[in-house]
Amino acid sequence: MNSGEIARLAGVSVRTLRHYHQVGVLPEPARRANGYREYTVRDLVLLLRIRRLAELGISLDEIRPMLRATGRADAVLDDLDRELATQIEQLTARREVIAQLRAAGTRPDLPPELAGLLASVDSDGPGLPPELREYDREVMLLLHHRLDDEGRVGLTGLLRRVTSPDLLEVVTALSARFAALGPDTADDEIDQLVADYHVALDHLTYDGWKEVDFRTGTLLTSYQEMVFNDAQRAFLARLAGTTRGE
């Protein structure tokens, strides 16, 4: 048999056959006078064994010693079984996340514990411009990535408090005023918005939330400088300054 014939009988491609030769899992047969490889039925049987083991998910590095030592099979199968069990757990967890996102009707690029809460802002805050909603989503994604497990729980709790019925309407109105800040905004209007934010923040208490670390704060500041105009950045600076002063 030549390479094409044995590959066809074994149900593999000639390219796969050559790869098996290259990695050393399938010895190269003797060549005929014309230089072509001459495969035997024994080569075909070995190739079928390799294909069967590969279909089980056993790596070629593991297949080579298994073909030589029968005692290696149990250990390899045990390792493979544990690996598959881990993959099943991961896939099951992934499907649960997908189900949560579908149930909430939210975008898949957000953590599910935050996606539903941000969706409530979208549905109850039609006055907010799309770019501000996008900013909220991107900031939450950045924070969720940077925080540890405890911090993520705190972030979720804080967002849940912000989106509660008694605060959502107020926060949405303040956010709309923030979005309207621009080149023609007077300083006293910015100061008034800062004062009104503090009134709202006085009702916003959640013990589980902690301040972010310096690096995360720097990333957030850098992002704000990219997406907000001068008046909006001035507002944020004044809000942060008066909050620290308190």
C-alpha atoms as a PDB file:
ATOM      1  CA  MET A   1       0.000   0.000   0.000  1.00  0.00           C
ATOM      2  CA  ASN A   2       1.144   3.529  -0.665  1.00  0.00           C
ATOM      3  CA  SER A   3       0.413   6.504   1.616  1.00  0.00           C
ATOM      4  CA  GLY A   4      -2.809   7.410  -0.135  1.00  0.00           C
ATOM      5  CA  GLU A   5      -4.196   3.885   0.108  1.00  0.00           C
ATOM      6  CA  ILE A   6      -3.423   3.352   3.788  1.00  0.00           C
ATOM      7  CA  ALA A   7      -4.740   6.799   4.681  1.00  0.00           C
ATOM      8  CA  ARG A   8      -7.994   6.082   2.857  1.00  0.00           C
ATOM      9  CA  LEU A   9      -8.382   2.658   4.523  1.00  0.00           C
ATOM     10  CA  ALA A  10      -7.698   4.128   7.980  1.00  0.00           C
ATOM     11  CA  GLY A  11     -10.007   7.097   7.443  1.00  0.00           C
ATOM     12  CA  VAL A  12      -7.317   9.751   7.921  1.00  0.00           C
ATOM     13  CA  SER A  13      -5.756  12.295   5.619  1.00  0.00           C
ATOM     14  CA  VAL A  14      -2.330  11.888   4.053  1.00  0.00           C
ATOM     15  CA  ARG A  15      -1.337  15.048   5.916  1.00  0.00           C
ATOM     16  CA  THR A  16      -2.287  13.402   9.231  1.00  0.00           C
ATOM     17  CA  LEU A  17      -0.328  10.313   8.246  1.00  0.00           C
ATOM     18  CA  ARG A  18       2.774  12.398   7.578  1.00  0.00           C
ATOM     19  CA  HIS A  19       2.300  14.235  10.878  1.00  0.00           C
ATOM     20  CA  TYR A  20       2.255  10.916  12.738  1.00  0.00           C
ATOM     21  CA  HIS A  21       5.553  10.097  11.080  1.00  0.00           C
ATOM     22  CA  GLN A  22       7.029  13.490  11.984  1.00  0.00           C
ATOM     23  CA  VAL A  23       6.199  13.226  15.701  1.00  0.00           C
ATOM     24  CA  GLY A  24       7.405   9.617  15.832  1.00  0.00           C
ATOM     25  CA  VAL A  25       4.161   7.966  16.871  1.00  0.00           C
ATOM     26  CA  LEU A  26       3.983   5.970  13.604  1.00  0.00           C
ATOM     27  CA  PRO A  27       7.312   4.555  12.356  1.00  0.00           C
ATOM     28  CA  GLU A  28       8.077   5.193   8.730  1.00  0.00           C
ATOM     29  CA  PRO A  29       7.993   1.987   6.658  1.00  0.00           C
ATOM     30  CA  ALA A  30      10.670   0.867   4.264  1.00  0.00           C
ATOM     31  CA  ARG A  31      10.719   2.475   0.858  1.00  0.00           C
ATOM     32  CA  ARG A  32      10.490   0.714  -2.461  1.00  0.00           C
ATOM     33  CA  ALA A  33      13.043   1.093  -5.211  1.00  0.00           C
ATOM     34  CA  ASN A  34      11.122   4.027  -6.650  1.00  0.00           C
ATOM     35  CA  GLY A  35      11.397   5.885  -3.315  1.00  0.00           C
ATOM     36  CA  TYR A  36       7.758   5.554  -2.256  1.00  0.00           C
ATOM     37  CA  ARG A  37       6.855   4.171   1.175  1.00  0.00           C
ATOM     38  CA  GLU A  38       5.486   0.643   1.214  1.00  0.00           C
ATOM     39  CA  TYR A  39       2.899   0.108   3.993  1.00  0.00           C
ATOM     40  CA  THR A  40       1.780  -3.289   5.272  1.00  0.00           C
ATOM     41  CA  VAL A  41      -1.363  -4.480   7.028  1.00  0.00           C
ATOM     42  CA  ARG A  42       0.530  -4.246  10.310  1.00  0.00           C
ATOM     43  CA  ASP A  43       1.102  -0.532   9.618  1.00  0.00           C
ATOM     44  CA  LEU A  44      -2.624  -0.192   8.975  1.00  0.00           C
ATOM     45  CA  VAL A  45      -3.504  -1.852  12.287  1.00  0.00           C
ATOM     46  CA  LEU A  46      -1.078   0.426  14.148  1.00  0.00           C
ATOM     47  CA  LEU A  47      -2.540   3.449  12.392  1.00  0.00           C
ATOM     48  CA  LEU A  48      -6.054   2.371  13.421  1.00  0.00           C
ATOM     49  CA  ARG A  49      -4.899   2.031  17.041  1.00  0.00           C
ATOM     50  CA  ILE A  50      -3.406   5.525  16.954  1.00  0.00           C
ATOM     51  CA  ARG A  51      -6.557   6.973  15.429  1.00  0.00           C
ATOM     52  CA  ARG A  52      -8.711   5.295  18.080  1.00  0.00           C
ATOM     53  CA  LEU A  53      -6.609   6.640  20.945  1.00  0.00           C
ATOM     54  CA  ALA A  54      -6.527  10.116  19.410  1.00  0.00           C
ATOM     55  CA  GLU A  55     -10.334  10.119  19.114  1.00  0.00           C
ATOM     56  CA  LEU A  56     -10.534   9.487  22.866  1.00  0.00           C
ATOM     57  CA  GLY A  57      -8.630  12.714  23.361  1.00  0.00           C
ATOM     58  CA  ILE A  58      -5.289  11.175  24.281  1.00  0.00           C
ATOM     59  CA  SER A  59      -2.384  13.322  23.159  1.00  0.00           C
ATOM     60  CA  LEU A  60       0.188  11.984  20.713  1.00  0.00           C
ATOM     61  CA  ASP A  61       2.858  12.327  23.406  1.00  0.00           C
ATOM     62  CA  GLU A  62       0.885   9.890  25.568  1.00  0.00           C
ATOM     63  CA  ILE A  63      -0.028   7.561  22.696  1.00  0.00           C
ATOM     64  CA  ARG A  64       3.578   6.722  21.900  1.00  0.00           C
ATOM     65  CA  PRO A  65       4.418   5.136  25.321  1.00  0.00           C
ATOM     66  CA  MET A  66       0.957   3.523  25.499  1.00  0.00           C
ATOM     67  CA  LEU A  67       1.664   1.588  22.316  1.00  0.00           C
ATOM     68  CA  ARG A  68       4.796   0.152  23.892  1.00  0.00           C
ATOM     69  CA  ALA A  69       3.643  -0.524  27.479  1.00  0.00           C
ATOM     70  CA  THR A  70       0.192  -1.883  28.327  1.00  0.00           C
ATOM     71  CA  GLY A  71       0.507  -0.876  31.988  1.00  0.00           C
ATOM     72  CA  ARG A  72       0.462   2.791  31.021  1.00  0.00           C
ATOM     73  CA  ALA A  73      -3.133   2.672  29.754  1.00  0.00           C
ATOM     74  CA  ASP A  74      -4.899   2.804  33.130  1.00  0.00           C
ATOM     75  CA  ALA A  75      -2.975   5.852  34.311  1.00  0.00           C
ATOM     76  CA  VAL A  76      -3.547   7.705  31.039  1.00  0.00           C
ATOM     77  CA  LEU A  77      -7.257   6.906  31.048  1.00  0.00           C
ATOM     78  CA  ASP A  78      -7.535   8.088  34.665  1.00  0.00           C
ATOM     79  CA  ASP A  79      -5.874  11.385  33.759  1.00  0.00           C
ATOM     80  CA  LEU A  80      -8.068  11.754  30.692  1.00  0.00           C
ATOM     81  CA  ASP A  81     -11.207  11.031  32.691  1.00  0.00           C
ATOM     82  CA  ARG A  82     -10.316  13.701  35.273  1.00  0.00           C
ATOM     83  CA  GLU A  83      -9.578  16.210  32.518  1.00  0.00           C
ATOM     84  CA  LEU A  84     -12.906  15.514  30.808  1.00  0.00           C
ATOM     85  CA  ALA A  85     -14.761  15.820  34.124  1.00  0.00           C
ATOM     86  CA  THR A  86     -13.183  19.251  34.627  1.00  0.00           C
ATOM     87  CA  GLN A  87     -14.154  20.281  31.101  1.00  0.00           C
ATOM     88  CA  ILE A  88     -17.737  19.137  31.723  1.00  0.00           C
ATOM     89  CA  GLU A  89     -17.902  21.242  34.894  1.00  0.00           C
ATOM     90  CA  GLN A  90     -16.569  24.262  33.021  1.00  0.00           C
ATOM     91  CA  LEU A  91     -19.000  23.776  30.145  1.00  0.00           C
ATOM     92  CA  THR A  92     -21.908  23.315  32.565  1.00  0.00           C
ATOM     93  CA  ALA A  93     -20.971  26.542  34.345  1.00  0.00           C
ATOM     94  CA  ARG A  94     -20.738  28.302  30.986  1.00  0.00           C
ATOM     95  CA  ARG A  95     -24.200  27.109  30.005  1.00  0.00           C
ATOM     96  CA  GLU A  96     -25.588  28.381  33.306  1.00  0.00           C
ATOM     97  CA  VAL A  97     -24.127  31.824  32.571  1.00  0.00           C
ATOM     98  CA  ILE A  98     -25.654  31.756  29.084  1.00  0.00           C
ATOM     99  CA  ALA A  99     -29.033  30.841  30.584  1.00  0.00           C
ATOM    100  CA  GLN A 100     -28.795  33.766  33.029  1.00  0.00           C
ATOM    101  CA  LEU A 101     -27.931  36.197  30.241  1.00  0.00           C
ATOM    102  CA  ARG A 102     -30.794  34.934  28.091  1.00  0.00           C
ATOM    103  CA  ALA A 103     -33.250  35.187  30.975  1.00  0.00           C
ATOM    104  CA  ALA A 104     -32.172  38.764  31.673  1.00  0.00           C
ATOM    105  CA  GLY A 105     -32.171  39.650  27.965  1.00  0.00           C
ATOM    106  CA  THR A 106     -28.779  41.306  28.323  1.00  0.00           C
ATOM    107  CA  ARG A 107     -25.554  41.531  26.374  1.00  0.00           C
ATOM    108  CA  PRO A 108     -23.140  38.599  26.698  1.00  0.00           C
ATOM    109  CA  ASP A 109     -20.036  40.762  27.195  1.00  0.00           C
ATOM    110  CA  LEU A 110     -20.974  41.602  30.810  1.00  0.00           C
ATOM    111  CA  PRO A 111     -20.790  39.440  33.952  1.00  0.00           C
ATOM    112  CA  PRO A 112     -24.311  38.037  34.515  1.00  0.00           C
ATOM    113  CA  GLU A 113     -24.578  39.416  38.063  1.00  0.00           C
ATOM    114  CA  LEU A 114     -24.149  42.937  36.670  1.00  0.00           C
ATOM    115  CA  ALA A 115     -25.875  42.541  33.309  1.00  0.00           C
ATOM    116  CA  GLY A 116     -29.397  42.318  34.703  1.00  0.00           C
ATOM    117  CA  LEU A 117     -28.912  45.352  36.937  1.00  0.00           C
ATOM    118  CA  LEU A 118     -27.555  47.475  34.089  1.00  0.00           C
ATOM    119  CA  ALA A 119     -30.444  46.316  31.919  1.00  0.00           C
ATOM    120  CA  SER A 120     -32.841  47.821  34.459  1.00  0.00           C
ATOM    121  CA  VAL A 121     -31.076  51.164  34.014  1.00  0.00           C
ATOM    122  CA  ASP A 122     -31.509  50.894  30.245  1.00  0.00           C
ATOM    123  CA  SER A 123     -35.215  50.121  30.537  1.00  0.00           C
ATOM    124  CA  ASP A 124     -36.022  52.688  33.233  1.00  0.00           C
ATOM    125  CA  GLY A 125     -33.724  55.448  32.022  1.00  0.00           C
ATOM    126  CA  PRO A 126     -34.740  56.236  28.423  1.00  0.00           C
ATOM    127  CA  GLY A 127     -33.467  59.777  28.864  1.00  0.00           C
ATOM    128  CA  LEU A 128     -29.851  58.691  29.078  1.00  0.00           C
ATOM    129  CA  PRO A 129     -27.827  59.005  25.865  1.00  0.00           C
ATOM    130  CA  PRO A 130     -26.423  55.744  24.438  1.00  0.00           C
ATOM    131  CA  GLU A 131     -22.799  56.826  24.961  1.00  0.00           C
ATOM    132  CA  LEU A 132     -23.352  57.274  28.701  1.00  0.00           C
ATOM    133  CA  ARG A 133     -24.970  53.870  28.984  1.00  0.00           C
ATOM    134  CA  GLU A 134     -22.030  52.389  27.131  1.00  0.00           C
ATOM    135  CA  TYR A 135     -19.655  54.139  29.518  1.00  0.00           C
ATOM    136  CA  ASP A 136     -21.475  52.647  32.513  1.00  0.00           C
ATOM    137  CA  ARG A 137     -21.195  49.155  31.024  1.00  0.00           C
ATOM    138  CA  GLU A 138     -17.511  49.513  30.194  1.00  0.00           C
ATOM    139  CA  VAL A 139     -16.632  50.911  33.631  1.00  0.00           C
ATOM    140  CA  MET A 140     -18.476  48.052  35.324  1.00  0.00           C
ATOM    141  CA  LEU A 141     -16.628  45.547  33.152  1.00  0.00           C
ATOM    142  CA  LEU A 142     -13.287  47.145  34.023  1.00  0.00           C
ATOM    143  CA  LEU A 143     -14.070  47.204  37.741  1.00  0.00           C
ATOM    144  CA  HIS A 144     -15.320  43.616  37.734  1.00  0.00           C
ATOM    145  CA  HIS A 145     -12.073  42.500  36.108  1.00  0.00           C
ATOM    146  CA  ARG A 146      -9.835  44.412  38.532  1.00  0.00           C
ATOM    147  CA  LEU A 147     -11.617  43.509  41.784  1.00  0.00           C
ATOM    148  CA  ASP A 148     -11.211  40.327  43.808  1.00  0.00           C
ATOM    149  CA  ASP A 149     -14.175  38.115  44.714  1.00  0.00           C
ATOM    150  CA  GLU A 150     -15.040  40.189  47.766  1.00  0.00           C
ATOM    151  CA  GLY A 151     -14.807  43.394  45.756  1.00  0.00           C
ATOM    152  CA  ARG A 152     -17.080  41.971  43.049  1.00  0.00           C
ATOM    153  CA  VAL A 153     -19.701  41.118  45.638  1.00  0.00           C
ATOM    154  CA  GLY A 154     -19.420  44.681  46.934  1.00  0.00           C
ATOM    155  CA  LEU A 155     -19.725  46.125  43.428  1.00  0.00           C
ATOM    156  CA  THR A 156     -22.843  44.052  42.742  1.00  0.00           C
ATOM    157  CA  GLY A 157     -24.375  45.136  46.036  1.00  0.00           C
ATOM    158  CA  LEU A 158     -23.628  48.784  45.349  1.00  0.00           C
ATOM    159  CA  LEU A 159     -25.127  48.603  41.869  1.00  0.00           C
ATOM    160  CA  ARG A 160     -28.170  46.800  43.236  1.00  0.00           C
ATOM    161  CA  ARG A 161     -28.618  49.657  45.711  1.00  0.00           C
ATOM    162  CA  VAL A 162     -28.262  52.278  42.969  1.00  0.00           C
ATOM    163  CA  THR A 163     -30.877  50.519  40.816  1.00  0.00           C
ATOM    164  CA  SER A 164     -33.355  50.093  43.660  1.00  0.00           C
ATOM    165  CA  PRO A 165     -36.743  51.770  43.069  1.00  0.00           C
ATOM    166  CA  ASP A 166     -36.159  54.558  45.594  1.00  0.00           C
ATOM    167  CA  LEU A 167     -32.869  55.641  43.974  1.00  0.00           C
ATOM    168  CA  LEU A 168     -32.998  54.687  40.306  1.00  0.00           C
ATOM    169  CA  GLU A 169     -35.176  57.588  39.184  1.00  0.00           C
ATOM    170  CA  VAL A 170     -33.026  60.116  41.068  1.00  0.00           C
ATOM    171  CA  VAL A 171     -29.729  58.672  39.827  1.00  0.00           C
ATOM    172  CA  THR A 172     -31.041  58.499  36.252  1.00  0.00           C
ATOM    173  CA  ALA A 173     -32.060  62.166  36.363  1.00  0.00           C
ATOM    174  CA  LEU A 174     -28.660  63.168  37.727  1.00  0.00           C
ATOM    175  CA  SER A 175     -26.919  61.111  35.052  1.00  0.00           C
ATOM    176  CA  ALA A 176     -28.954  62.835  32.357  1.00  0.00           C
ATOM    177  CA  ARG A 177     -27.866  66.226  33.726  1.00  0.00           C
ATOM    178  CA  PHE A 178     -24.254  65.037  33.742  1.00  0.00           C
ATOM    179  CA  ALA A 179     -24.574  63.912  30.119  1.00  0.00           C
ATOM    180  CA  ALA A 180     -25.853  67.383  29.194  1.00  0.00           C
ATOM    181  CA  LEU A 181     -22.741  69.147  30.519  1.00  0.00           C
ATOM    182  CA  GLY A 182     -20.823  70.825  27.734  1.00  0.00           C
ATOM    183  CA  PRO A 183     -18.800  73.865  26.589  1.00  0.00           C
ATOM    184  CA  ASP A 184     -21.618  76.283  27.469  1.00  0.00           C
ATOM    185  CA  THR A 185     -22.146  74.967  30.993  1.00  0.00           C
ATOM    186  CA  ALA A 186     -21.552  77.594  33.704  1.00  0.00           C
ATOM    187  CA  ASP A 187     -19.430  76.850  36.758  1.00  0.00           C
ATOM    188  CA  ASP A 188     -22.330  77.406  39.149  1.00  0.00           C
ATOM    189  CA  GLU A 189     -24.339  74.803  37.221  1.00  0.00           C
ATOM    190  CA  ILE A 190     -21.529  72.293  37.709  1.00  0.00           C
ATOM    191  CA  ASP A 191     -21.364  73.178  41.420  1.00  0.00           C
ATOM    192  CA  GLN A 192     -25.118  72.704  41.749  1.00  0.00           C
ATOM    193  CA  LEU A 193     -24.905  69.284  40.137  1.00  0.00           C
ATOM    194  CA  VAL A 194     -22.107  68.337  42.554  1.00  0.00           C
ATOM    195  CA  ALA A 195     -24.307  69.424  45.479  1.00  0.00           C
ATOM    196  CA  ASP A 196     -27.287  67.465  44.146  1.00  0.00           C
ATOM    197  CA  TYR A 197     -25.128  64.378  43.701  1.00  0.00           C
ATOM    198  CA  HIS A 198     -24.065  64.614  47.327  1.00  0.00           C
ATOM    199  CA  VAL A 199     -27.694  64.754  48.422  1.00  0.00           C
ATOM    200  CA  ALA A 200     -28.333  61.552  46.500  1.00  0.00           C
ATOM    201  CA  LEU A 201     -25.117  59.921  47.717  1.00  0.00           C
ATOM    202  CA  ASP A 202     -26.119  60.593  51.330  1.00  0.00           C
ATOM    203  CA  HIS A 203     -28.836  57.987  50.803  1.00  0.00           C
ATOM    204  CA  LEU A 204     -26.456  55.577  49.113  1.00  0.00           C
ATOM    205  CA  THR A 205     -24.961  53.370  51.789  1.00  0.00           C
ATOM    206  CA  TYR A 206     -23.549  49.904  51.261  1.00  0.00           C
ATOM    207  CA  ASP A 207     -21.036  48.506  53.725  1.00  0.00           C
ATOM    208  CA  GLY A 208     -19.704  45.859  51.331  1.00  0.00           C
ATOM    209  CA  TRP A 209     -18.145  48.345  48.904  1.00  0.00           C
ATOM    210  CA  LYS A 210     -14.524  49.432  49.326  1.00  0.00           C
ATOM    211  CA  GLU A 211     -12.465  51.993  47.476  1.00  0.00           C
ATOM    212  CA  VAL A 212     -10.521  50.697  44.474  1.00  0.00           C
ATOM    213  CA  ASP A 213      -6.740  50.407  44.527  1.00  0.00           C
ATOM    214  CA  PHE A 214      -4.456  53.066  43.078  1.00  0.00           C
ATOM    215  CA  ARG A 215      -3.863  51.273  39.779  1.00  0.00           C
ATOM    216  CA  THR A 216      -7.573  50.750  39.157  1.00  0.00           C
ATOM    217  CA  GLY A 217      -8.260  54.371  40.036  1.00  0.00           C
ATOM    218  CA  THR A 218      -5.613  55.464  37.541  1.00  0.00           C
ATOM    219  CA  LEU A 219      -7.208  53.346  34.810  1.00  0.00           C
ATOM    220  CA  LEU A 220     -10.635  54.812  35.530  1.00  0.00           C
ATOM    221  CA  THR A 221      -9.266  58.361  35.462  1.00  0.00           C
ATOM    222  CA  SER A 222      -7.504  57.699  32.176  1.00  0.00           C
ATOM    223  CA  TYR A 223     -10.705  56.326  30.696  1.00  0.00           C
ATOM    224  CA  GLN A 224     -12.709  59.312  31.877  1.00  0.00           C
ATOM    225  CA  GLU A 225     -10.226  61.649  30.227  1.00  0.00           C
ATOM    226  CA  MET A 226     -10.785  59.836  26.948  1.00  0.00           C
ATOM    227  CA  VAL A 227     -14.591  59.809  26.898  1.00  0.00           C
ATOM    228  CA  PHE A 228     -15.737  62.954  28.741  1.00  0.00           C
ATOM    229  CA  ASN A 229     -15.609  66.618  27.779  1.00  0.00           C
ATOM    230  CA  ASP A 230     -13.994  69.401  29.841  1.00  0.00           C
ATOM    231  CA  ALA A 231     -17.151  70.270  31.773  1.00  0.00           C
ATOM    232  CA  GLN A 232     -17.833  66.647  32.656  1.00  0.00           C
ATOM    233  CA  ARG A 233     -14.249  66.134  33.802  1.00  0.00           C
ATOM    234  CA  ALA A 234     -14.462  69.302  35.888  1.00  0.00           C
ATOM    235  CA  PHE A 235     -17.598  67.952  37.540  1.00  0.00           C
ATOM    236  CA  LEU A 236     -15.916  64.622  38.325  1.00  0.00           C
ATOM    237  CA  ALA A 237     -12.877  66.392  39.780  1.00  0.00           C
ATOM    238  CA  ARG A 238     -15.031  68.587  42.020  1.00  0.00           C
ATOM    239  CA  LEU A 239     -17.187  65.653  43.083  1.00  0.00           C
ATOM    240  CA  ALA A 240     -14.110  63.595  43.991  1.00  0.00           C
ATOM    241  CA  GLY A 241     -12.523  66.534  45.801  1.00  0.00           C
ATOM    242  CA  THR A 242     -15.562  67.341  47.944  1.00  0.00           C
ATOM    243  CA  THR A 243     -16.121  63.648  48.680  1.00  0.00           C
ATOM    244  CA  ARG A 244     -12.547  63.255  49.957  1.00  0.00           C
ATOM    245  CA  GLY A 245     -12.933  66.468  51.937  1.00  0.00           C
ATOM    246  CA  GLU A 246     -15.871  65.037  53.791  1.00  0.00           C
END
